[in-house]
Amino acid sequence: FYEAMRGLSGAAQDQWPHYLTLREAANLADGYAKQAAIDAWINEA
């Protein structure tokens, strides 16, 4: 929802780069840290 309609979300301009950082961290994480990174990414979205 957020990625498809982020232009309508009303979020601050600097929020999107932070979201991309969390998404990249979730994709790169492995082991026990991966689930925590995914949860942080989803909660941010």
PDB file of all heavy atoms in Angstrom:
ATOM      1  N   PHE A   1       0.827  -1.199   0.000  1.00  0.00           N
ATOM      2  CA  PHE A   1       0.000   0.000   0.000  1.00  0.00           C
ATOM      3  C   PHE A   1       0.866   1.256   0.000  1.00  0.00           C
ATOM      4  O   PHE A   1       0.639   2.179  -0.786  1.00  0.00           O
ATOM      5  CB  PHE A   1      -0.908  -0.005   1.233  1.00  0.00           C
ATOM      6  CG  PHE A   1      -1.915   1.103   1.261  1.00  0.00           C
ATOM      7  CD1 PHE A   1      -3.201   0.902   0.784  1.00  0.00           C
ATOM      8  CD2 PHE A   1      -1.601   2.358   1.773  1.00  0.00           C
ATOM      9  CE1 PHE A   1      -4.142   1.925   0.803  1.00  0.00           C
ATOM     10  CE2 PHE A   1      -2.525   3.376   1.787  1.00  0.00           C
ATOM     11  CZ  PHE A   1      -3.801   3.160   1.307  1.00  0.00           C
ATOM     12  N   TYR A   2       1.865   1.281   0.870  1.00  0.00           N
ATOM     13  CA  TYR A   2       2.685   2.487   0.986  1.00  0.00           C
ATOM     14  C   TYR A   2       3.533   2.704  -0.261  1.00  0.00           C
ATOM     15  O   TYR A   2       3.639   3.829  -0.766  1.00  0.00           O
ATOM     16  CB  TYR A   2       3.570   2.387   2.220  1.00  0.00           C
ATOM     17  CG  TYR A   2       4.516   3.551   2.372  1.00  0.00           C
ATOM     18  CD1 TYR A   2       4.030   4.852   2.467  1.00  0.00           C
ATOM     19  CD2 TYR A   2       5.896   3.364   2.400  1.00  0.00           C
ATOM     20  CE1 TYR A   2       4.894   5.931   2.596  1.00  0.00           C
ATOM     21  CE2 TYR A   2       6.759   4.439   2.531  1.00  0.00           C
ATOM     22  CZ  TYR A   2       6.252   5.715   2.626  1.00  0.00           C
ATOM     23  OH  TYR A   2       7.093   6.782   2.741  1.00  0.00           O
ATOM     24  N   GLU A   3       4.123   1.650  -0.780  1.00  0.00           N
ATOM     25  CA  GLU A   3       4.980   1.813  -1.948  1.00  0.00           C
ATOM     26  C   GLU A   3       4.181   2.212  -3.186  1.00  0.00           C
ATOM     27  O   GLU A   3       4.680   2.944  -4.042  1.00  0.00           O
ATOM     28  CB  GLU A   3       5.757   0.515  -2.205  1.00  0.00           C
ATOM     29  CG  GLU A   3       6.800   0.228  -1.124  1.00  0.00           C
ATOM     30  CD  GLU A   3       7.666  -0.975  -1.459  1.00  0.00           C
ATOM     31  OE1 GLU A   3       7.450  -1.584  -2.538  1.00  0.00           O
ATOM     32  OE2 GLU A   3       8.567  -1.306  -0.661  1.00  0.00           O
ATOM     33  N   ALA A   4       2.947   1.748  -3.287  1.00  0.00           N
ATOM     34  CA  ALA A   4       2.139   2.088  -4.456  1.00  0.00           C
ATOM     35  C   ALA A   4       1.543   3.485  -4.362  1.00  0.00           C
ATOM     36  O   ALA A   4       1.306   4.125  -5.391  1.00  0.00           O
ATOM     37  CB  ALA A   4       1.022   1.058  -4.626  1.00  0.00           C
ATOM     38  N   MET A   5       1.320   3.971  -3.127  1.00  0.00           N
ATOM     39  CA  MET A   5       0.606   5.234  -2.952  1.00  0.00           C
ATOM     40  C   MET A   5       1.329   6.187  -2.015  1.00  0.00           C
ATOM     41  O   MET A   5       0.695   6.982  -1.322  1.00  0.00           O
ATOM     42  CB  MET A   5      -0.809   4.954  -2.407  1.00  0.00           C
ATOM     43  CG  MET A   5      -1.596   3.992  -3.239  1.00  0.00           C
ATOM     44  SD  MET A   5      -3.277   3.727  -2.623  1.00  0.00           S
ATOM     45  CE  MET A   5      -3.851   2.448  -3.730  1.00  0.00           C
ATOM     46  N   ARG A   6       2.651   6.126  -1.999  1.00  0.00           N
ATOM     47  CA  ARG A   6       3.384   6.964  -1.061  1.00  0.00           C
ATOM     48  C   ARG A   6       3.201   8.447  -1.357  1.00  0.00           C
ATOM     49  O   ARG A   6       3.315   9.280  -0.469  1.00  0.00           O
ATOM     50  CB  ARG A   6       4.868   6.611  -1.065  1.00  0.00           C
ATOM     51  CG  ARG A   6       5.609   6.923  -2.353  1.00  0.00           C
ATOM     52  CD  ARG A   6       7.046   6.439  -2.267  1.00  0.00           C
ATOM     53  NE  ARG A   6       7.813   6.742  -3.457  1.00  0.00           N
ATOM     54  CZ  ARG A   6       8.479   7.870  -3.649  1.00  0.00           C
ATOM     55  NH1 ARG A   6       8.478   8.808  -2.710  1.00  0.00           N
ATOM     56  NH2 ARG A   6       9.170   8.076  -4.763  1.00  0.00           N
ATOM     57  N   GLY A   7       2.875   8.792  -2.613  1.00  0.00           N
ATOM     58  CA  GLY A   7       2.643  10.194  -2.946  1.00  0.00           C
ATOM     59  C   GLY A   7       1.412  10.762  -2.278  1.00  0.00           C
ATOM     60  O   GLY A   7       1.277  11.978  -2.147  1.00  0.00           O
ATOM     61  N   LEU A   8       0.510   9.892  -1.852  1.00  0.00           N
ATOM     62  CA  LEU A   8      -0.720  10.331  -1.184  1.00  0.00           C
ATOM     63  C   LEU A   8      -0.646  10.217   0.329  1.00  0.00           C
ATOM     64  O   LEU A   8      -1.604  10.563   1.017  1.00  0.00           O
ATOM     65  CB  LEU A   8      -1.907   9.491  -1.687  1.00  0.00           C
ATOM     66  CG  LEU A   8      -2.168   9.495  -3.189  1.00  0.00           C
ATOM     67  CD1 LEU A   8      -3.297   8.529  -3.526  1.00  0.00           C
ATOM     68  CD2 LEU A   8      -2.505  10.899  -3.670  1.00  0.00           C
ATOM     69  N   SER A   9       0.458   9.718   0.858  1.00  0.00           N
ATOM     70  CA  SER A   9       0.529   9.415   2.288  1.00  0.00           C
ATOM     71  C   SER A   9       0.641  10.658   3.162  1.00  0.00           C
ATOM     72  O   SER A   9       0.288  10.608   4.337  1.00  0.00           O
ATOM     73  CB  SER A   9       1.715   8.495   2.569  1.00  0.00           C
ATOM     74  OG  SER A   9       2.941   9.187   2.327  1.00  0.00           O
ATOM     75  N   GLY A  10       1.155  11.745   2.617  1.00  0.00           N
ATOM     76  CA  GLY A  10       1.348  12.940   3.424  1.00  0.00           C
ATOM     77  C   GLY A  10       2.569  12.887   4.315  1.00  0.00           C
ATOM     78  O   GLY A  10       2.745  13.746   5.189  1.00  0.00           O
ATOM     79  N   ALA A  11       3.432  11.876   4.127  1.00  0.00           N
ATOM     80  CA  ALA A  11       4.641  11.747   4.939  1.00  0.00           C
ATOM     81  C   ALA A  11       5.670  12.790   4.538  1.00  0.00           C
ATOM     82  O   ALA A  11       5.649  13.332   3.425  1.00  0.00           O
ATOM     83  CB  ALA A  11       5.228  10.349   4.780  1.00  0.00           C
ATOM     84  N   ALA A  12       6.597  13.079   5.458  1.00  0.00           N
ATOM     85  CA  ALA A  12       7.655  14.039   5.186  1.00  0.00           C
ATOM     86  C   ALA A  12       8.579  13.524   4.077  1.00  0.00           C
ATOM     87  O   ALA A  12       8.673  12.317   3.835  1.00  0.00           O
ATOM     88  CB  ALA A  12       8.457  14.303   6.450  1.00  0.00           C
ATOM     89  N   GLN A  13       9.251  14.452   3.406  1.00  0.00           N
ATOM     90  CA  GLN A  13      10.102  14.090   2.283  1.00  0.00           C
ATOM     91  C   GLN A  13      11.248  13.172   2.692  1.00  0.00           C
ATOM     92  O   GLN A  13      11.653  12.290   1.930  1.00  0.00           O
ATOM     93  CB  GLN A  13      10.664  15.362   1.627  1.00  0.00           C
ATOM     94  CG  GLN A  13       9.610  16.225   0.966  1.00  0.00           C
ATOM     95  CD  GLN A  13       8.970  15.554  -0.238  1.00  0.00           C
ATOM     96  OE1 GLN A  13       9.613  14.769  -0.941  1.00  0.00           O
ATOM     97  NE2 GLN A  13       7.706  15.865  -0.488  1.00  0.00           N
ATOM     98  N   ASP A  14      11.775  13.370   3.914  1.00  0.00           N
ATOM     99  CA  ASP A  14      12.921  12.574   4.338  1.00  0.00           C
ATOM    100  C   ASP A  14      12.516  11.194   4.858  1.00  0.00           C
ATOM    101  O   ASP A  14      13.375  10.398   5.239  1.00  0.00           O
ATOM    102  CB  ASP A  14      13.715  13.311   5.416  1.00  0.00           C
ATOM    103  CG  ASP A  14      12.858  13.633   6.641  1.00  0.00           C
ATOM    104  OD1 ASP A  14      11.617  13.465   6.565  1.00  0.00           O
ATOM    105  OD2 ASP A  14      13.431  14.056   7.663  1.00  0.00           O
ATOM    106  N   GLN A  15      11.235  10.886   4.873  1.00  0.00           N
ATOM    107  CA  GLN A  15      10.789   9.588   5.375  1.00  0.00           C
ATOM    108  C   GLN A  15      11.078   8.484   4.372  1.00  0.00           C
ATOM    109  O   GLN A  15      11.422   7.367   4.759  1.00  0.00           O
ATOM    110  CB  GLN A  15       9.296   9.635   5.706  1.00  0.00           C
ATOM    111  CG  GLN A  15       8.784   8.452   6.532  1.00  0.00           C
ATOM    112  CD  GLN A  15       8.567   7.209   5.693  1.00  0.00           C
ATOM    113  OE1 GLN A  15       8.130   7.312   4.552  1.00  0.00           O
ATOM    114  NE2 GLN A  15       8.856   6.050   6.257  1.00  0.00           N
ATOM    115  N   TRP A  16      10.923   8.766   3.088  1.00  0.00           N
ATOM    116  CA  TRP A  16      11.111   7.745   2.072  1.00  0.00           C
ATOM    117  C   TRP A  16      12.530   7.185   2.059  1.00  0.00           C
ATOM    118  O   TRP A  16      12.693   5.946   2.013  1.00  0.00           O
ATOM    119  CB  TRP A  16      10.722   8.300   0.709  1.00  0.00           C
ATOM    120  CG  TRP A  16      10.901   7.342  -0.428  1.00  0.00           C
ATOM    121  CD1 TRP A  16      11.766   7.463  -1.471  1.00  0.00           C
ATOM    122  CD2 TRP A  16      10.199   6.123  -0.642  1.00  0.00           C
ATOM    123  NE1 TRP A  16      11.641   6.395  -2.333  1.00  0.00           N
ATOM    124  CE2 TRP A  16      10.691   5.553  -1.854  1.00  0.00           C
ATOM    125  CE3 TRP A  16       9.209   5.444   0.065  1.00  0.00           C
ATOM    126  CZ2 TRP A  16      10.212   4.339  -2.348  1.00  0.00           C
ATOM    127  CZ3 TRP A  16       8.730   4.233  -0.444  1.00  0.00           C
ATOM    128  CH2 TRP A  16       9.233   3.701  -1.632  1.00  0.00           C
ATOM    129  N   PRO A  17      13.594   8.006   2.100  1.00  0.00           N
ATOM    130  CA  PRO A  17      14.945   7.426   2.172  1.00  0.00           C
ATOM    131  C   PRO A  17      15.137   6.543   3.408  1.00  0.00           C
ATOM    132  O   PRO A  17      15.805   5.501   3.330  1.00  0.00           O
ATOM    133  CB  PRO A  17      15.859   8.655   2.216  1.00  0.00           C
ATOM    134  CG  PRO A  17      15.070   9.724   1.550  1.00  0.00           C
ATOM    135  CD  PRO A  17      13.650   9.473   1.948  1.00  0.00           C
ATOM    136  N   HIS A  18      14.563   6.948   4.533  1.00  0.00           N
ATOM    137  CA  HIS A  18      14.672   6.122   5.739  1.00  0.00           C
ATOM    138  C   HIS A  18      13.964   4.786   5.537  1.00  0.00           C
ATOM    139  O   HIS A  18      14.462   3.732   5.956  1.00  0.00           O
ATOM    140  CB  HIS A  18      14.075   6.870   6.931  1.00  0.00           C
ATOM    141  CG  HIS A  18      14.072   6.083   8.207  1.00  0.00           C
ATOM    142  ND1 HIS A  18      15.221   5.631   8.808  1.00  0.00           N
ATOM    143  CD2 HIS A  18      13.035   5.645   8.991  1.00  0.00           C
ATOM    144  CE1 HIS A  18      14.919   4.967   9.901  1.00  0.00           C
ATOM    145  NE2 HIS A  18      13.594   4.955  10.034  1.00  0.00           N
ATOM    146  N   TYR A  19      12.823   4.814   4.886  1.00  0.00           N
ATOM    147  CA  TYR A  19      12.098   3.575   4.599  1.00  0.00           C
ATOM    148  C   TYR A  19      12.917   2.669   3.690  1.00  0.00           C
ATOM    149  O   TYR A  19      12.976   1.444   3.906  1.00  0.00           O
ATOM    150  CB  TYR A  19      10.749   3.914   3.951  1.00  0.00           C
ATOM    151  CG  TYR A  19      10.030   2.714   3.381  1.00  0.00           C
ATOM    152  CD1 TYR A  19       9.269   1.883   4.194  1.00  0.00           C
ATOM    153  CD2 TYR A  19      10.134   2.399   2.020  1.00  0.00           C
ATOM    154  CE1 TYR A  19       8.619   0.777   3.679  1.00  0.00           C
ATOM    155  CE2 TYR A  19       9.485   1.299   1.497  1.00  0.00           C
ATOM    156  CZ  TYR A  19       8.735   0.489   2.330  1.00  0.00           C
ATOM    157  OH  TYR A  19       8.095  -0.609   1.819  1.00  0.00           O
ATOM    158  N   LEU A  20      13.544   3.241   2.666  1.00  0.00           N
ATOM    159  CA  LEU A  20      14.370   2.443   1.761  1.00  0.00           C
ATOM    160  C   LEU A  20      15.544   1.802   2.495  1.00  0.00           C
ATOM    161  O   LEU A  20      15.936   0.666   2.190  1.00  0.00           O
ATOM    162  CB  LEU A  20      14.879   3.315   0.617  1.00  0.00           C
ATOM    163  CG  LEU A  20      13.816   3.846  -0.362  1.00  0.00           C
ATOM    164  CD1 LEU A  20      14.468   4.724  -1.412  1.00  0.00           C
ATOM    165  CD2 LEU A  20      13.071   2.685  -1.014  1.00  0.00           C
ATOM    166  N   THR A  21      16.089   2.523   3.476  1.00  0.00           N
ATOM    167  CA  THR A  21      17.184   1.962   4.269  1.00  0.00           C
ATOM    168  C   THR A  21      16.721   0.742   5.053  1.00  0.00           C
ATOM    169  O   THR A  21      17.410  -0.280   5.114  1.00  0.00           O
ATOM    170  CB  THR A  21      17.733   3.025   5.228  1.00  0.00           C
ATOM    171  OG1 THR A  21      18.198   4.147   4.476  1.00  0.00           O
ATOM    172  CG2 THR A  21      18.876   2.464   6.063  1.00  0.00           C
ATOM    173  N   LEU A  22      15.528   0.842   5.657  1.00  0.00           N
ATOM    174  CA  LEU A  22      14.988  -0.288   6.408  1.00  0.00           C
ATOM    175  C   LEU A  22      14.670  -1.463   5.486  1.00  0.00           C
ATOM    176  O   LEU A  22      14.877  -2.625   5.853  1.00  0.00           O
ATOM    177  CB  LEU A  22      13.724   0.136   7.161  1.00  0.00           C
ATOM    178  CG  LEU A  22      13.929   1.125   8.311  1.00  0.00           C
ATOM    179  CD1 LEU A  22      12.585   1.518   8.913  1.00  0.00           C
ATOM    180  CD2 LEU A  22      14.825   0.520   9.390  1.00  0.00           C
ATOM    181  N   ARG A  23      14.167  -1.172   4.300  1.00  0.00           N
ATOM    182  CA  ARG A  23      13.861  -2.251   3.356  1.00  0.00           C
ATOM    183  C   ARG A  23      15.125  -2.970   2.916  1.00  0.00           C
ATOM    184  O   ARG A  23      15.169  -4.203   2.829  1.00  0.00           O
ATOM    185  CB  ARG A  23      13.122  -1.681   2.142  1.00  0.00           C
ATOM    186  CG  ARG A  23      12.640  -2.753   1.170  1.00  0.00           C
ATOM    187  CD  ARG A  23      11.867  -2.156   0.010  1.00  0.00           C
ATOM    188  NE  ARG A  23      12.729  -1.373  -0.871  1.00  0.00           N
ATOM    189  CZ  ARG A  23      12.300  -0.808  -2.002  1.00  0.00           C
ATOM    190  NH1 ARG A  23      11.030  -0.912  -2.358  1.00  0.00           N
ATOM    191  NH2 ARG A  23      13.128  -0.105  -2.753  1.00  0.00           N
ATOM    192  N   GLU A  24      16.172  -2.192   2.645  1.00  0.00           N
ATOM    193  CA  GLU A  24      17.438  -2.803   2.241  1.00  0.00           C
ATOM    194  C   GLU A  24      18.028  -3.630   3.377  1.00  0.00           C
ATOM    195  O   GLU A  24      18.556  -4.729   3.159  1.00  0.00           O
ATOM    196  CB  GLU A  24      18.420  -1.723   1.804  1.00  0.00           C
ATOM    197  CG  GLU A  24      19.740  -2.275   1.286  1.00  0.00           C
ATOM    198  CD  GLU A  24      20.675  -1.177   0.826  1.00  0.00           C
ATOM    199  OE1 GLU A  24      20.292   0.004   0.909  1.00  0.00           O
ATOM    200  OE2 GLU A  24      21.788  -1.515   0.377  1.00  0.00           O
ATOM    201  N   ALA A  25      17.922  -3.125   4.602  1.00  0.00           N
ATOM    202  CA  ALA A  25      18.438  -3.867   5.750  1.00  0.00           C
ATOM    203  C   ALA A  25      17.684  -5.178   5.930  1.00  0.00           C
ATOM    204  O   ALA A  25      18.283  -6.211   6.264  1.00  0.00           O
ATOM    205  CB  ALA A  25      18.320  -3.015   7.008  1.00  0.00           C
ATOM    206  N   ALA A  26      16.373  -5.163   5.692  1.00  0.00           N
ATOM    207  CA  ALA A  26      15.582  -6.386   5.819  1.00  0.00           C
ATOM    208  C   ALA A  26      15.967  -7.402   4.755  1.00  0.00           C
ATOM    209  O   ALA A  26      15.988  -8.615   5.004  1.00  0.00           O
ATOM    210  CB  ALA A  26      14.099  -6.059   5.733  1.00  0.00           C
ATOM    211  N   ASN A  27      16.266  -6.923   3.557  1.00  0.00           N
ATOM    212  CA  ASN A  27      16.642  -7.833   2.470  1.00  0.00           C
ATOM    213  C   ASN A  27      18.035  -8.414   2.660  1.00  0.00           C
ATOM    214  O   ASN A  27      18.296  -9.543   2.229  1.00  0.00           O
ATOM    215  CB  ASN A  27      16.558  -7.098   1.131  1.00  0.00           C
ATOM    216  CG  ASN A  27      15.125  -6.750   0.748  1.00  0.00           C
ATOM    217  OD1 ASN A  27      14.191  -7.463   1.105  1.00  0.00           O
ATOM    218  ND2 ASN A  27      14.953  -5.647   0.031  1.00  0.00           N
ATOM    219  N   LEU A  28      18.929  -7.651   3.302  1.00  0.00           N
ATOM    220  CA  LEU A  28      20.316  -8.098   3.465  1.00  0.00           C
ATOM    221  C   LEU A  28      20.532  -8.898   4.740  1.00  0.00           C
ATOM    222  O   LEU A  28      21.516  -9.652   4.837  1.00  0.00           O
ATOM    223  CB  LEU A  28      21.255  -6.888   3.458  1.00  0.00           C
ATOM    224  CG  LEU A  28      21.322  -6.097   2.149  1.00  0.00           C
ATOM    225  CD1 LEU A  28      22.243  -4.895   2.301  1.00  0.00           C
ATOM    226  CD2 LEU A  28      21.800  -6.987   0.999  1.00  0.00           C
ATOM    227  N   ALA A  29      19.641  -8.732   5.706  1.00  0.00           N
ATOM    228  CA  ALA A  29      19.834  -9.409   6.995  1.00  0.00           C
ATOM    229  C   ALA A  29      19.646 -10.916   6.833  1.00  0.00           C
ATOM    230  O   ALA A  29      18.958 -11.400   5.937  1.00  0.00           O
ATOM    231  CB  ALA A  29      18.846  -8.870   8.026  1.00  0.00           C
ATOM    232  N   ASP A  30      20.268 -11.654   7.735  1.00  0.00           N
ATOM    233  CA  ASP A  30      20.098 -13.105   7.749  1.00  0.00           C
ATOM    234  C   ASP A  30      20.158 -13.596   9.189  1.00  0.00           C
ATOM    235  O   ASP A  30      20.458 -12.846  10.116  1.00  0.00           O
ATOM    236  CB  ASP A  30      21.170 -13.790   6.897  1.00  0.00           C
ATOM    237  CG  ASP A  30      22.585 -13.404   7.319  1.00  0.00           C
ATOM    238  OD1 ASP A  30      22.723 -12.751   8.374  1.00  0.00           O
ATOM    239  OD2 ASP A  30      23.537 -13.751   6.603  1.00  0.00           O
ATOM    240  N   GLY A  31      19.852 -14.842   9.349  1.00  0.00           N
ATOM    241  CA  GLY A  31      19.892 -15.413  10.686  1.00  0.00           C
ATOM    242  C   GLY A  31      18.808 -14.854  11.589  1.00  0.00           C
ATOM    243  O   GLY A  31      17.698 -14.530  11.162  1.00  0.00           O
ATOM    244  N   TYR A  32      19.160 -14.710  12.868  1.00  0.00           N
ATOM    245  CA  TYR A  32      18.198 -14.232  13.853  1.00  0.00           C
ATOM    246  C   TYR A  32      17.823 -12.761  13.638  1.00  0.00           C
ATOM    247  O   TYR A  32      16.753 -12.322  14.059  1.00  0.00           O
ATOM    248  CB  TYR A  32      18.770 -14.411  15.263  1.00  0.00           C
ATOM    249  CG  TYR A  32      18.964 -15.852  15.652  1.00  0.00           C
ATOM    250  CD1 TYR A  32      20.240 -16.411  15.704  1.00  0.00           C
ATOM    251  CD2 TYR A  32      17.874 -16.663  15.951  1.00  0.00           C
ATOM    252  CE1 TYR A  32      20.420 -17.745  16.055  1.00  0.00           C
ATOM    253  CE2 TYR A  32      18.048 -17.988  16.307  1.00  0.00           C
ATOM    254  CZ  TYR A  32      19.327 -18.530  16.354  1.00  0.00           C
ATOM    255  OH  TYR A  32      19.498 -19.845  16.686  1.00  0.00           O
ATOM    256  N   ALA A  33      18.696 -12.003  13.002  1.00  0.00           N
ATOM    257  CA  ALA A  33      18.438 -10.576  12.829  1.00  0.00           C
ATOM    258  C   ALA A  33      17.440 -10.300  11.702  1.00  0.00           C
ATOM    259  O   ALA A  33      16.886  -9.202  11.634  1.00  0.00           O
ATOM    260  CB  ALA A  33      19.746  -9.846  12.540  1.00  0.00           C
ATOM    261  N   LYS A  34      17.194 -11.274  10.846  1.00  0.00           N
ATOM    262  CA  LYS A  34      16.358 -11.014   9.678  1.00  0.00           C
ATOM    263  C   LYS A  34      14.918 -10.708  10.065  1.00  0.00           C
ATOM    264  O   LYS A  34      14.314  -9.752   9.557  1.00  0.00           O
ATOM    265  CB  LYS A  34      16.396 -12.201   8.727  1.00  0.00           C
ATOM    266  CG  LYS A  34      15.673 -11.917   7.410  1.00  0.00           C
ATOM    267  CD  LYS A  34      15.924 -13.004   6.400  1.00  0.00           C
ATOM    268  CE  LYS A  34      15.313 -12.664   5.054  1.00  0.00           C
ATOM    269  NZ  LYS A  34      15.908 -11.446   4.456  1.00  0.00           N
ATOM    270  N   GLN A  35      14.347 -11.488  10.981  1.00  0.00           N
ATOM    271  CA  GLN A  35      12.961 -11.263  11.360  1.00  0.00           C
ATOM    272  C   GLN A  35      12.781  -9.906  12.029  1.00  0.00           C
ATOM    273  O   GLN A  35      11.793  -9.208  11.786  1.00  0.00           O
ATOM    274  CB  GLN A  35      12.475 -12.375  12.293  1.00  0.00           C
ATOM    275  CG  GLN A  35      10.976 -12.320  12.591  1.00  0.00           C
ATOM    276  CD  GLN A  35      10.130 -12.392  11.340  1.00  0.00           C
ATOM    277  OE1 GLN A  35      10.314 -13.274  10.490  1.00  0.00           O
ATOM    278  NE2 GLN A  35       9.190 -11.464  11.194  1.00  0.00           N
ATOM    279  N   ALA A  36      13.730  -9.514  12.875  1.00  0.00           N
ATOM    280  CA  ALA A  36      13.659  -8.204  13.522  1.00  0.00           C
ATOM    281  C   ALA A  36      13.736  -7.083  12.489  1.00  0.00           C
ATOM    282  O   ALA A  36      13.023  -6.073  12.593  1.00  0.00           O
ATOM    283  CB  ALA A  36      14.778  -8.057  14.545  1.00  0.00           C
ATOM    284  N   ALA A  37      14.597  -7.254  11.472  1.00  0.00           N
ATOM    285  CA  ALA A  37      14.717  -6.242  10.420  1.00  0.00           C
ATOM    286  C   ALA A  37      13.440  -6.164   9.588  1.00  0.00           C
ATOM    287  O   ALA A  37      12.992  -5.070   9.217  1.00  0.00           O
ATOM    288  CB  ALA A  37      15.915  -6.566   9.535  1.00  0.00           C
ATOM    289  N   ILE A  38      12.832  -7.309   9.312  1.00  0.00           N
ATOM    290  CA  ILE A  38      11.578  -7.321   8.554  1.00  0.00           C
ATOM    291  C   ILE A  38      10.463  -6.645   9.336  1.00  0.00           C
ATOM    292  O   ILE A  38       9.669  -5.858   8.788  1.00  0.00           O
ATOM    293  CB  ILE A  38      11.188  -8.765   8.184  1.00  0.00           C
ATOM    294  CG1 ILE A  38      12.185  -9.339   7.172  1.00  0.00           C
ATOM    295  CG2 ILE A  38       9.767  -8.825   7.639  1.00  0.00           C
ATOM    296  CD1 ILE A  38      11.943 -10.788   6.833  1.00  0.00           C
ATOM    297  N   ASP A  39      10.405  -6.929  10.640  1.00  0.00           N
ATOM    298  CA  ASP A  39       9.374  -6.309  11.480  1.00  0.00           C
ATOM    299  C   ASP A  39       9.531  -4.792  11.518  1.00  0.00           C
ATOM    300  O   ASP A  39       8.542  -4.046  11.460  1.00  0.00           O
ATOM    301  CB  ASP A  39       9.441  -6.873  12.904  1.00  0.00           C
ATOM    302  CG  ASP A  39       8.997  -8.324  12.962  1.00  0.00           C
ATOM    303  OD1 ASP A  39       8.317  -8.777  12.020  1.00  0.00           O
ATOM    304  OD2 ASP A  39       9.347  -9.018  13.944  1.00  0.00           O
ATOM    305  N   ALA A  40      10.780  -4.325  11.618  1.00  0.00           N
ATOM    306  CA  ALA A  40      11.022  -2.881  11.625  1.00  0.00           C
ATOM    307  C   ALA A  40      10.614  -2.251  10.298  1.00  0.00           C
ATOM    308  O   ALA A  40      10.046  -1.146  10.268  1.00  0.00           O
ATOM    309  CB  ALA A  40      12.500  -2.609  11.909  1.00  0.00           C
ATOM    310  N   TRP A  41      10.891  -2.937   9.209  1.00  0.00           N
ATOM    311  CA  TRP A  41      10.515  -2.455   7.872  1.00  0.00           C
ATOM    312  C   TRP A  41       8.999  -2.370   7.730  1.00  0.00           C
ATOM    313  O   TRP A  41       8.456  -1.350   7.298  1.00  0.00           O
ATOM    314  CB  TRP A  41      11.119  -3.406   6.840  1.00  0.00           C
ATOM    315  CG  TRP A  41      10.670  -3.192   5.433  1.00  0.00           C
ATOM    316  CD1 TRP A  41      10.356  -2.003   4.831  1.00  0.00           C
ATOM    317  CD2 TRP A  41      10.487  -4.209   4.439  1.00  0.00           C
ATOM    318  NE1 TRP A  41       9.999  -2.213   3.519  1.00  0.00           N
ATOM    319  CE2 TRP A  41      10.065  -3.552   3.259  1.00  0.00           C
ATOM    320  CE3 TRP A  41      10.656  -5.589   4.435  1.00  0.00           C
ATOM    321  CZ2 TRP A  41       9.796  -4.259   2.080  1.00  0.00           C
ATOM    322  CZ3 TRP A  41      10.403  -6.292   3.265  1.00  0.00           C
ATOM    323  CH2 TRP A  41       9.975  -5.630   2.108  1.00  0.00           C
ATOM    324  N   ILE A  42       8.286  -3.417   8.151  1.00  0.00           N
ATOM    325  CA  ILE A  42       6.826  -3.444   8.024  1.00  0.00           C
ATOM    326  C   ILE A  42       6.179  -2.410   8.933  1.00  0.00           C
ATOM    327  O   ILE A  42       5.232  -1.713   8.540  1.00  0.00           O
ATOM    328  CB  ILE A  42       6.292  -4.857   8.327  1.00  0.00           C
ATOM    329  CG1 ILE A  42       6.762  -5.837   7.254  1.00  0.00           C
ATOM    330  CG2 ILE A  42       4.771  -4.852   8.433  1.00  0.00           C
ATOM    331  CD1 ILE A  42       6.368  -7.273   7.506  1.00  0.00           C
ATOM    332  N   ASN A  43       6.685  -2.288  10.149  1.00  0.00           N
ATOM    333  CA  ASN A  43       6.125  -1.299  11.075  1.00  0.00           C
ATOM    334  C   ASN A  43       6.313   0.127  10.565  1.00  0.00           C
ATOM    335  O   ASN A  43       5.444   0.986  10.749  1.00  0.00           O
ATOM    336  CB  ASN A  43       6.759  -1.451  12.454  1.00  0.00           C
ATOM    337  CG  ASN A  43       6.307  -2.710  13.166  1.00  0.00           C
ATOM    338  OD1 ASN A  43       5.216  -3.215  12.917  1.00  0.00           O
ATOM    339  ND2 ASN A  43       7.148  -3.226  14.053  1.00  0.00           N
ATOM    340  N   GLU A  44       7.437   0.378   9.923  1.00  0.00           N
ATOM    341  CA  GLU A  44       7.669   1.697   9.338  1.00  0.00           C
ATOM    342  C   GLU A  44       6.678   1.956   8.208  1.00  0.00           C
ATOM    343  O   GLU A  44       6.126   3.059   8.097  1.00  0.00           O
ATOM    344  CB  GLU A  44       9.097   1.788   8.817  1.00  0.00           C
ATOM    345  CG  GLU A  44       9.497   3.147   8.278  1.00  0.00           C
ATOM    346  CD  GLU A  44       9.675   4.191   9.368  1.00  0.00           C
ATOM    347  OE1 GLU A  44       9.642   3.812  10.568  1.00  0.00           O
ATOM    348  OE2 GLU A  44       9.853   5.382   9.036  1.00  0.00           O
ATOM    349  N   ALA A  45       6.438   0.945   7.373  1.00  0.00           N
ATOM    350  CA  ALA A  45       5.466   1.103   6.299  1.00  0.00           C
ATOM    351  C   ALA A  45       4.065   1.303   6.859  1.00  0.00           C
ATOM    352  O   ALA A  45       3.286   2.115   6.345  1.00  0.00           O
ATOM    353  CB  ALA A  45       5.504  -0.130   5.392  1.00  0.00           C
TER     354      ALA A  45
END
